[in-house]
Amino acid sequence: MADAAVGRDKGAEQRLVSLPLSRIRVIMKSSPEVSSINQEALVLTAKATELFVQYLAAYSYRHGSGKEKRALAYSDLSSTAEESETFQFLADILPKKILASKYLKTLKEKREDENDNGESDGDEAES
């Protein structure tokens, strides 16, 4: 059973975690504060990550448009990150998709607004 606890498959035994522990170890070691990683800490981190991803997916499915389509889409995840206070920290990681043309138009309008504001400030200073 100890082998199952560390994520190894043995015959018919089901793995405790499904994420690859070697990848999680690499991610954890990428932090300069981490010098060594206990096997139990690695398994617990992997399990906590799996549970978090499951919760995020279930929440996004229930509160998004995926329920109607019976599918979970990226837009459901990004909406959850933007609208839910619990998942607000993911807003930068899961931004809403935007068409390049729409982004360029928004960027152009923003620059024009900045130029307009800059010119009006300069006119007031001359008066």
N, C-alpha and C. Protein backbone atom coordinates (compact mmCIF):
# COMPACT_ATOMS: atom_id res chain seq x y z
N MET A 1 0.82 -1.19 0.00
CA MET A 1 0.00 0.00 0.00
C MET A 1 0.85 1.25 0.00
N ALA A 2 2.07 1.16 0.56
CA ALA A 2 2.96 2.32 0.58
C ALA A 2 3.32 2.76 -0.83
N ASP A 3 3.42 1.79 -1.75
CA ASP A 3 3.71 2.14 -3.13
C ASP A 3 2.59 2.96 -3.74
N ALA A 4 1.35 2.64 -3.39
CA ALA A 4 0.21 3.40 -3.92
C ALA A 4 0.20 4.81 -3.35
N ALA A 5 0.68 4.97 -2.12
CA ALA A 5 0.69 6.29 -1.48
C ALA A 5 1.65 7.24 -2.18
N VAL A 6 2.70 6.69 -2.78
CA VAL A 6 3.64 7.56 -3.48
C VAL A 6 3.35 7.65 -4.96
N GLY A 7 2.22 7.12 -5.38
CA GLY A 7 1.78 7.32 -6.75
C GLY A 7 2.19 6.24 -7.72
N ARG A 8 2.69 5.12 -7.24
CA ARG A 8 3.08 4.04 -8.15
C ARG A 8 1.92 3.08 -8.33
N ASP A 9 1.81 2.51 -9.52
CA ASP A 9 0.79 1.50 -9.78
C ASP A 9 1.37 0.12 -9.47
N LYS A 10 0.60 -0.71 -8.81
CA LYS A 10 1.00 -2.08 -8.58
C LYS A 10 -0.18 -2.97 -8.89
N GLY A 11 -0.16 -3.57 -10.06
CA GLY A 11 -1.25 -4.45 -10.43
C GLY A 11 -2.58 -3.74 -10.48
N ALA A 12 -3.54 -4.21 -9.66
CA ALA A 12 -4.89 -3.66 -9.67
C ALA A 12 -5.05 -2.48 -8.72
N GLU A 13 -4.02 -2.16 -7.94
CA GLU A 13 -4.12 -1.04 -7.01
C GLU A 13 -4.28 0.27 -7.77
N GLN A 14 -5.14 1.12 -7.25
CA GLN A 14 -5.37 2.42 -7.87
C GLN A 14 -4.38 3.43 -7.31
N ARG A 15 -3.86 4.29 -8.16
CA ARG A 15 -2.92 5.31 -7.71
C ARG A 15 -3.64 6.34 -6.86
N LEU A 16 -2.94 6.86 -5.87
CA LEU A 16 -3.49 7.89 -5.00
C LEU A 16 -3.53 9.24 -5.73
N VAL A 17 -2.54 9.50 -6.57
CA VAL A 17 -2.49 10.74 -7.33
C VAL A 17 -2.33 10.40 -8.81
N SER A 18 -2.85 11.28 -9.67
CA SER A 18 -2.73 11.01 -11.10
C SER A 18 -1.76 11.96 -11.79
N LEU A 19 -1.37 13.03 -11.11
CA LEU A 19 -0.38 13.95 -11.70
C LEU A 19 1.01 13.32 -11.60
N PRO A 20 1.87 13.59 -12.58
CA PRO A 20 3.22 13.02 -12.54
C PRO A 20 4.06 13.67 -11.43
N LEU A 21 4.48 12.85 -10.49
CA LEU A 21 5.23 13.36 -9.34
C LEU A 21 6.57 13.97 -9.74
N SER A 22 7.18 13.43 -10.79
CA SER A 22 8.47 13.97 -11.22
C SER A 22 8.33 15.42 -11.69
N ARG A 23 7.25 15.73 -12.37
CA ARG A 23 7.01 17.12 -12.83
C ARG A 23 6.75 18.04 -11.64
N ILE A 24 5.98 17.56 -10.69
CA ILE A 24 5.68 18.37 -9.51
C ILE A 24 6.96 18.63 -8.72
N ARG A 25 7.82 17.62 -8.64
CA ARG A 25 9.10 17.79 -7.95
C ARG A 25 9.94 18.87 -8.65
N VAL A 26 9.96 18.86 -9.97
CA VAL A 26 10.72 19.86 -10.74
C VAL A 26 10.16 21.27 -10.47
N ILE A 27 8.85 21.39 -10.45
CA ILE A 27 8.22 22.69 -10.19
C ILE A 27 8.55 23.16 -8.77
N MET A 28 8.46 22.25 -7.81
CA MET A 28 8.75 22.62 -6.43
C MET A 28 10.22 23.00 -6.26
N LYS A 29 11.13 22.29 -6.92
CA LYS A 29 12.57 22.58 -6.81
C LYS A 29 12.96 23.86 -7.54
N SER A 30 12.08 24.36 -8.40
CA SER A 30 12.39 25.60 -9.11
C SER A 30 12.38 26.80 -8.17
N SER A 31 11.80 26.63 -7.00
CA SER A 31 11.80 27.69 -6.00
C SER A 31 13.15 27.71 -5.29
N PRO A 32 13.78 28.88 -5.17
CA PRO A 32 15.09 28.94 -4.53
C PRO A 32 15.06 28.59 -3.04
N GLU A 33 13.89 28.69 -2.40
CA GLU A 33 13.79 28.40 -0.98
C GLU A 33 13.76 26.89 -0.69
N VAL A 34 13.53 26.08 -1.73
CA VAL A 34 13.39 24.63 -1.53
C VAL A 34 14.71 23.95 -1.88
N SER A 35 15.25 23.22 -0.89
CA SER A 35 16.49 22.49 -1.14
C SER A 35 16.22 21.00 -1.33
N SER A 36 15.35 20.43 -0.51
CA SER A 36 14.98 19.02 -0.66
C SER A 36 13.49 18.87 -0.43
N ILE A 37 12.94 17.81 -1.01
CA ILE A 37 11.50 17.60 -0.94
C ILE A 37 11.23 16.20 -0.38
N ASN A 38 10.53 16.18 0.73
CA ASN A 38 10.10 14.94 1.35
C ASN A 38 9.08 14.27 0.43
N GLN A 39 9.14 12.94 0.30
CA GLN A 39 8.22 12.21 -0.57
C GLN A 39 6.76 12.43 -0.15
N GLU A 40 6.51 12.46 1.15
CA GLU A 40 5.14 12.67 1.63
C GLU A 40 4.64 14.07 1.26
N ALA A 41 5.51 15.07 1.36
CA ALA A 41 5.14 16.43 0.99
C ALA A 41 4.84 16.50 -0.51
N LEU A 42 5.60 15.77 -1.28
CA LEU A 42 5.40 15.73 -2.73
C LEU A 42 4.02 15.14 -3.07
N VAL A 43 3.68 14.03 -2.43
CA VAL A 43 2.40 13.38 -2.68
C VAL A 43 1.25 14.27 -2.21
N LEU A 44 1.40 14.89 -1.06
CA LEU A 44 0.35 15.77 -0.54
C LEU A 44 0.14 16.99 -1.45
N THR A 45 1.23 17.54 -1.96
CA THR A 45 1.13 18.68 -2.88
C THR A 45 0.43 18.25 -4.17
N ALA A 46 0.77 17.08 -4.67
CA ALA A 46 0.13 16.57 -5.89
C ALA A 46 -1.36 16.36 -5.66
N LYS A 47 -1.72 15.77 -4.53
CA LYS A 47 -3.13 15.51 -4.24
C LYS A 47 -3.90 16.82 -4.05
N ALA A 48 -3.29 17.77 -3.34
CA ALA A 48 -3.94 19.08 -3.14
C ALA A 48 -4.14 19.78 -4.48
N THR A 49 -3.18 19.67 -5.37
CA THR A 49 -3.30 20.28 -6.70
C THR A 49 -4.44 19.64 -7.48
N GLU A 50 -4.52 18.32 -7.44
CA GLU A 50 -5.61 17.62 -8.12
C GLU A 50 -6.97 18.05 -7.59
N LEU A 51 -7.10 18.13 -6.27
CA LEU A 51 -8.37 18.52 -5.67
C LEU A 51 -8.74 19.96 -6.04
N PHE A 52 -7.73 20.83 -6.08
CA PHE A 52 -7.98 22.22 -6.47
C PHE A 52 -8.46 22.30 -7.91
N VAL A 53 -7.81 21.59 -8.81
CA VAL A 53 -8.20 21.61 -10.22
C VAL A 53 -9.61 21.03 -10.39
N GLN A 54 -9.92 19.97 -9.65
CA GLN A 54 -11.26 19.39 -9.71
C GLN A 54 -12.31 20.39 -9.23
N TYR A 55 -12.01 21.09 -8.14
CA TYR A 55 -12.94 22.07 -7.60
C TYR A 55 -13.14 23.23 -8.58
N LEU A 56 -12.04 23.73 -9.15
CA LEU A 56 -12.12 24.81 -10.13
C LEU A 56 -12.95 24.39 -11.33
N ALA A 57 -12.72 23.18 -11.83
CA ALA A 57 -13.47 22.69 -12.99
C ALA A 57 -14.95 22.53 -12.66
N ALA A 58 -15.27 21.95 -11.51
CA ALA A 58 -16.67 21.74 -11.13
C ALA A 58 -17.38 23.08 -10.93
N TYR A 59 -16.73 24.02 -10.26
CA TYR A 59 -17.31 25.33 -10.02
C TYR A 59 -17.55 26.05 -11.35
N SER A 60 -16.57 26.00 -12.23
CA SER A 60 -16.68 26.66 -13.54
C SER A 60 -17.79 26.02 -14.37
N TYR A 61 -17.92 24.73 -14.29
CA TYR A 61 -18.97 24.02 -15.03
C TYR A 61 -20.35 24.42 -14.53
N ARG A 62 -20.51 24.44 -13.19
CA ARG A 62 -21.82 24.77 -12.60
C ARG A 62 -22.22 26.22 -12.86
N HIS A 63 -21.25 27.14 -12.84
CA HIS A 63 -21.56 28.56 -12.95
C HIS A 63 -21.35 29.12 -14.36
N GLY A 64 -20.91 28.30 -15.27
CA GLY A 64 -20.63 28.78 -16.63
C GLY A 64 -21.67 28.29 -17.62
N SER A 65 -21.37 28.51 -18.88
CA SER A 65 -22.29 28.10 -19.94
C SER A 65 -22.09 26.64 -20.32
N GLY A 66 -21.10 26.00 -19.74
CA GLY A 66 -20.81 24.61 -20.06
C GLY A 66 -21.93 23.66 -19.71
N LYS A 67 -22.72 24.02 -18.70
CA LYS A 67 -23.82 23.17 -18.28
C LYS A 67 -24.82 22.98 -19.42
N GLU A 68 -25.07 24.05 -20.17
CA GLU A 68 -26.00 23.97 -21.28
C GLU A 68 -25.44 23.09 -22.40
N LYS A 69 -24.15 23.20 -22.65
CA LYS A 69 -23.51 22.46 -23.73
C LYS A 69 -23.01 21.09 -23.27
N ARG A 70 -23.07 20.85 -21.96
CA ARG A 70 -22.53 19.63 -21.35
C ARG A 70 -21.03 19.50 -21.62
N ALA A 71 -20.36 20.65 -21.58
CA ALA A 71 -18.91 20.68 -21.79
C ALA A 71 -18.33 21.87 -21.04
N LEU A 72 -17.10 21.74 -20.63
CA LEU A 72 -16.40 22.83 -19.96
C LEU A 72 -15.47 23.49 -20.96
N ALA A 73 -15.61 24.80 -21.12
CA ALA A 73 -14.80 25.54 -22.08
C ALA A 73 -13.86 26.50 -21.35
N TYR A 74 -12.84 26.94 -22.05
CA TYR A 74 -11.90 27.91 -21.49
C TYR A 74 -12.62 29.16 -21.01
N SER A 75 -13.63 29.57 -21.75
CA SER A 75 -14.38 30.78 -21.38
C SER A 75 -15.05 30.62 -20.01
N ASP A 76 -15.47 29.40 -19.68
CA ASP A 76 -16.06 29.15 -18.36
C ASP A 76 -15.01 29.34 -17.26
N LEU A 77 -13.80 28.84 -17.51
CA LEU A 77 -12.71 28.99 -16.53
C LEU A 77 -12.32 30.45 -16.37
N SER A 78 -12.20 31.18 -17.48
CA SER A 78 -11.79 32.58 -17.40
C SER A 78 -12.87 33.43 -16.74
N SER A 79 -14.13 33.11 -16.98
CA SER A 79 -15.22 33.83 -16.32
C SER A 79 -15.20 33.59 -14.82
N THR A 80 -14.94 32.36 -14.44
CA THR A 80 -14.85 32.03 -13.02
C THR A 80 -13.72 32.81 -12.36
N ALA A 81 -12.56 32.87 -13.02
CA ALA A 81 -11.42 33.59 -12.47
C ALA A 81 -11.71 35.07 -12.32
N GLU A 82 -12.47 35.61 -13.25
CA GLU A 82 -12.77 37.04 -13.23
C GLU A 82 -13.88 37.39 -12.24
N GLU A 83 -14.89 36.55 -12.14
CA GLU A 83 -16.09 36.89 -11.38
C GLU A 83 -16.11 36.36 -9.95
N SER A 84 -15.45 35.27 -9.69
CA SER A 84 -15.48 34.67 -8.36
C SER A 84 -14.35 35.22 -7.49
N GLU A 85 -14.71 35.67 -6.32
CA GLU A 85 -13.70 36.22 -5.40
C GLU A 85 -12.69 35.15 -4.99
N THR A 86 -13.15 33.91 -4.87
CA THR A 86 -12.29 32.80 -4.48
C THR A 86 -11.17 32.57 -5.49
N PHE A 87 -11.49 32.71 -6.76
CA PHE A 87 -10.53 32.41 -7.83
C PHE A 87 -9.94 33.67 -8.46
N GLN A 88 -10.12 34.81 -7.83
CA GLN A 88 -9.64 36.08 -8.37
C GLN A 88 -8.14 36.06 -8.66
N PHE A 89 -7.38 35.33 -7.87
CA PHE A 89 -5.92 35.28 -8.06
C PHE A 89 -5.52 34.63 -9.38
N LEU A 90 -6.45 33.97 -10.04
CA LEU A 90 -6.16 33.33 -11.33
C LEU A 90 -6.49 34.22 -12.52
N ALA A 91 -6.97 35.43 -12.28
CA ALA A 91 -7.42 36.30 -13.38
C ALA A 91 -6.29 36.58 -14.38
N ASP A 92 -5.07 36.72 -13.92
CA ASP A 92 -3.95 36.97 -14.84
C ASP A 92 -3.54 35.71 -15.60
N ILE A 93 -3.76 34.56 -14.99
CA ILE A 93 -3.37 33.29 -15.61
C ILE A 93 -4.43 32.81 -16.59
N LEU A 94 -5.70 33.11 -16.31
CA LEU A 94 -6.81 32.70 -17.16
C LEU A 94 -7.56 33.93 -17.68
N PRO A 95 -6.92 34.75 -18.50
CA PRO A 95 -7.62 35.95 -18.98
C PRO A 95 -8.68 35.58 -20.00
N LYS A 96 -9.65 36.48 -20.15
CA LYS A 96 -10.67 36.27 -21.18
C LYS A 96 -10.00 36.35 -22.55
N LYS A 97 -10.43 35.49 -23.46
CA LYS A 97 -9.89 35.53 -24.81
C LYS A 97 -10.46 36.74 -25.52
N ILE A 98 -9.63 37.33 -26.35
CA ILE A 98 -10.05 38.50 -27.12
C ILE A 98 -9.44 38.37 -28.51
N LEU A 99 -10.19 38.75 -29.52
CA LEU A 99 -9.67 38.70 -30.89
C LEU A 99 -8.57 39.74 -31.05
N ALA A 100 -7.58 39.44 -31.85
CA ALA A 100 -6.46 40.35 -32.06
C ALA A 100 -6.95 41.68 -32.61
N SER A 101 -7.91 41.65 -33.52
CA SER A 101 -8.41 42.91 -34.09
C SER A 101 -9.08 43.77 -33.02
N LYS A 102 -9.82 43.13 -32.13
CA LYS A 102 -10.48 43.87 -31.05
C LYS A 102 -9.45 44.45 -30.08
N TYR A 103 -8.41 43.68 -29.80
CA TYR A 103 -7.34 44.15 -28.92
C TYR A 103 -6.63 45.35 -29.54
N LEU A 104 -6.30 45.26 -30.82
CA LEU A 104 -5.61 46.36 -31.50
C LEU A 104 -6.47 47.62 -31.53
N LYS A 105 -7.78 47.44 -31.73
CA LYS A 105 -8.69 48.59 -31.72
C LYS A 105 -8.71 49.23 -30.33
N THR A 106 -8.80 48.42 -29.29
CA THR A 106 -8.80 48.93 -27.91
C THR A 106 -7.49 49.64 -27.59
N LEU A 107 -6.38 49.06 -28.04
CA LEU A 107 -5.06 49.66 -27.82
C LEU A 107 -4.96 51.00 -28.53
N LYS A 108 -5.46 51.07 -29.76
CA LYS A 108 -5.44 52.32 -30.52
C LYS A 108 -6.27 53.40 -29.82
N GLU A 109 -7.47 53.02 -29.35
CA GLU A 109 -8.33 53.97 -28.64
C GLU A 109 -7.66 54.46 -27.36
N LYS A 110 -6.99 53.57 -26.66
CA LYS A 110 -6.30 53.94 -25.43
C LYS A 110 -5.18 54.94 -25.72
N ARG A 111 -4.44 54.69 -26.78
CA ARG A 111 -3.36 55.62 -27.15
C ARG A 111 -3.92 56.98 -27.55
N GLU A 112 -5.03 56.97 -28.29
CA GLU A 112 -5.66 58.23 -28.69
C GLU A 112 -6.13 59.01 -27.47
N ASP A 113 -6.72 58.31 -26.50
CA ASP A 113 -7.16 58.96 -25.26
C ASP A 113 -5.98 59.57 -24.52
N GLU A 114 -4.88 58.84 -24.48
CA GLU A 114 -3.68 59.35 -23.80
C GLU A 114 -3.14 60.58 -24.52
N ASN A 115 -3.15 60.54 -25.85
CA ASN A 115 -2.68 61.69 -26.63
C ASN A 115 -3.60 62.89 -26.43
N ASP A 116 -4.90 62.65 -26.43
CA ASP A 116 -5.86 63.73 -26.22
C ASP A 116 -5.67 64.35 -24.84
N ASN A 117 -5.50 63.53 -23.85
CA ASN A 117 -5.29 64.03 -22.49
C ASN A 117 -3.97 64.77 -22.37
N GLY A 118 -2.96 64.27 -23.04
CA GLY A 118 -1.65 64.92 -23.01
C GLY A 118 -1.67 66.27 -23.69
N GLU A 119 -2.39 66.38 -24.83
CA GLU A 119 -2.47 67.65 -25.55
C GLU A 119 -3.28 68.67 -24.78
N SER A 120 -4.38 68.24 -24.16
CA SER A 120 -5.20 69.20 -23.43
C SER A 120 -4.47 69.72 -22.19
N ASP A 121 -3.67 68.87 -21.56
CA ASP A 121 -2.88 69.31 -20.43
C ASP A 121 -1.85 70.35 -20.86
N GLY A 122 -1.27 70.11 -22.04
CA GLY A 122 -0.26 71.04 -22.56
C GLY A 122 -0.89 72.39 -22.92
N ASP A 123 -2.12 72.37 -23.47
CA ASP A 123 -2.81 73.62 -23.83
C ASP A 123 -3.11 74.45 -22.60
N GLU A 124 -3.51 73.79 -21.53
CA GLU A 124 -3.83 74.52 -20.30
C GLU A 124 -2.58 75.15 -19.70
N ALA A 125 -1.45 74.49 -19.86
CA ALA A 125 -0.21 75.01 -19.29
C ALA A 125 0.23 76.26 -20.04
N GLU A 126 -0.08 76.33 -21.38
CA GLU A 126 0.33 77.49 -22.16
C GLU A 126 -0.53 78.70 -21.85
N SER A 127 -1.79 78.51 -21.46
CA SER A 127 -2.72 79.63 -21.23
C SER A 127 -2.34 80.48 -20.06
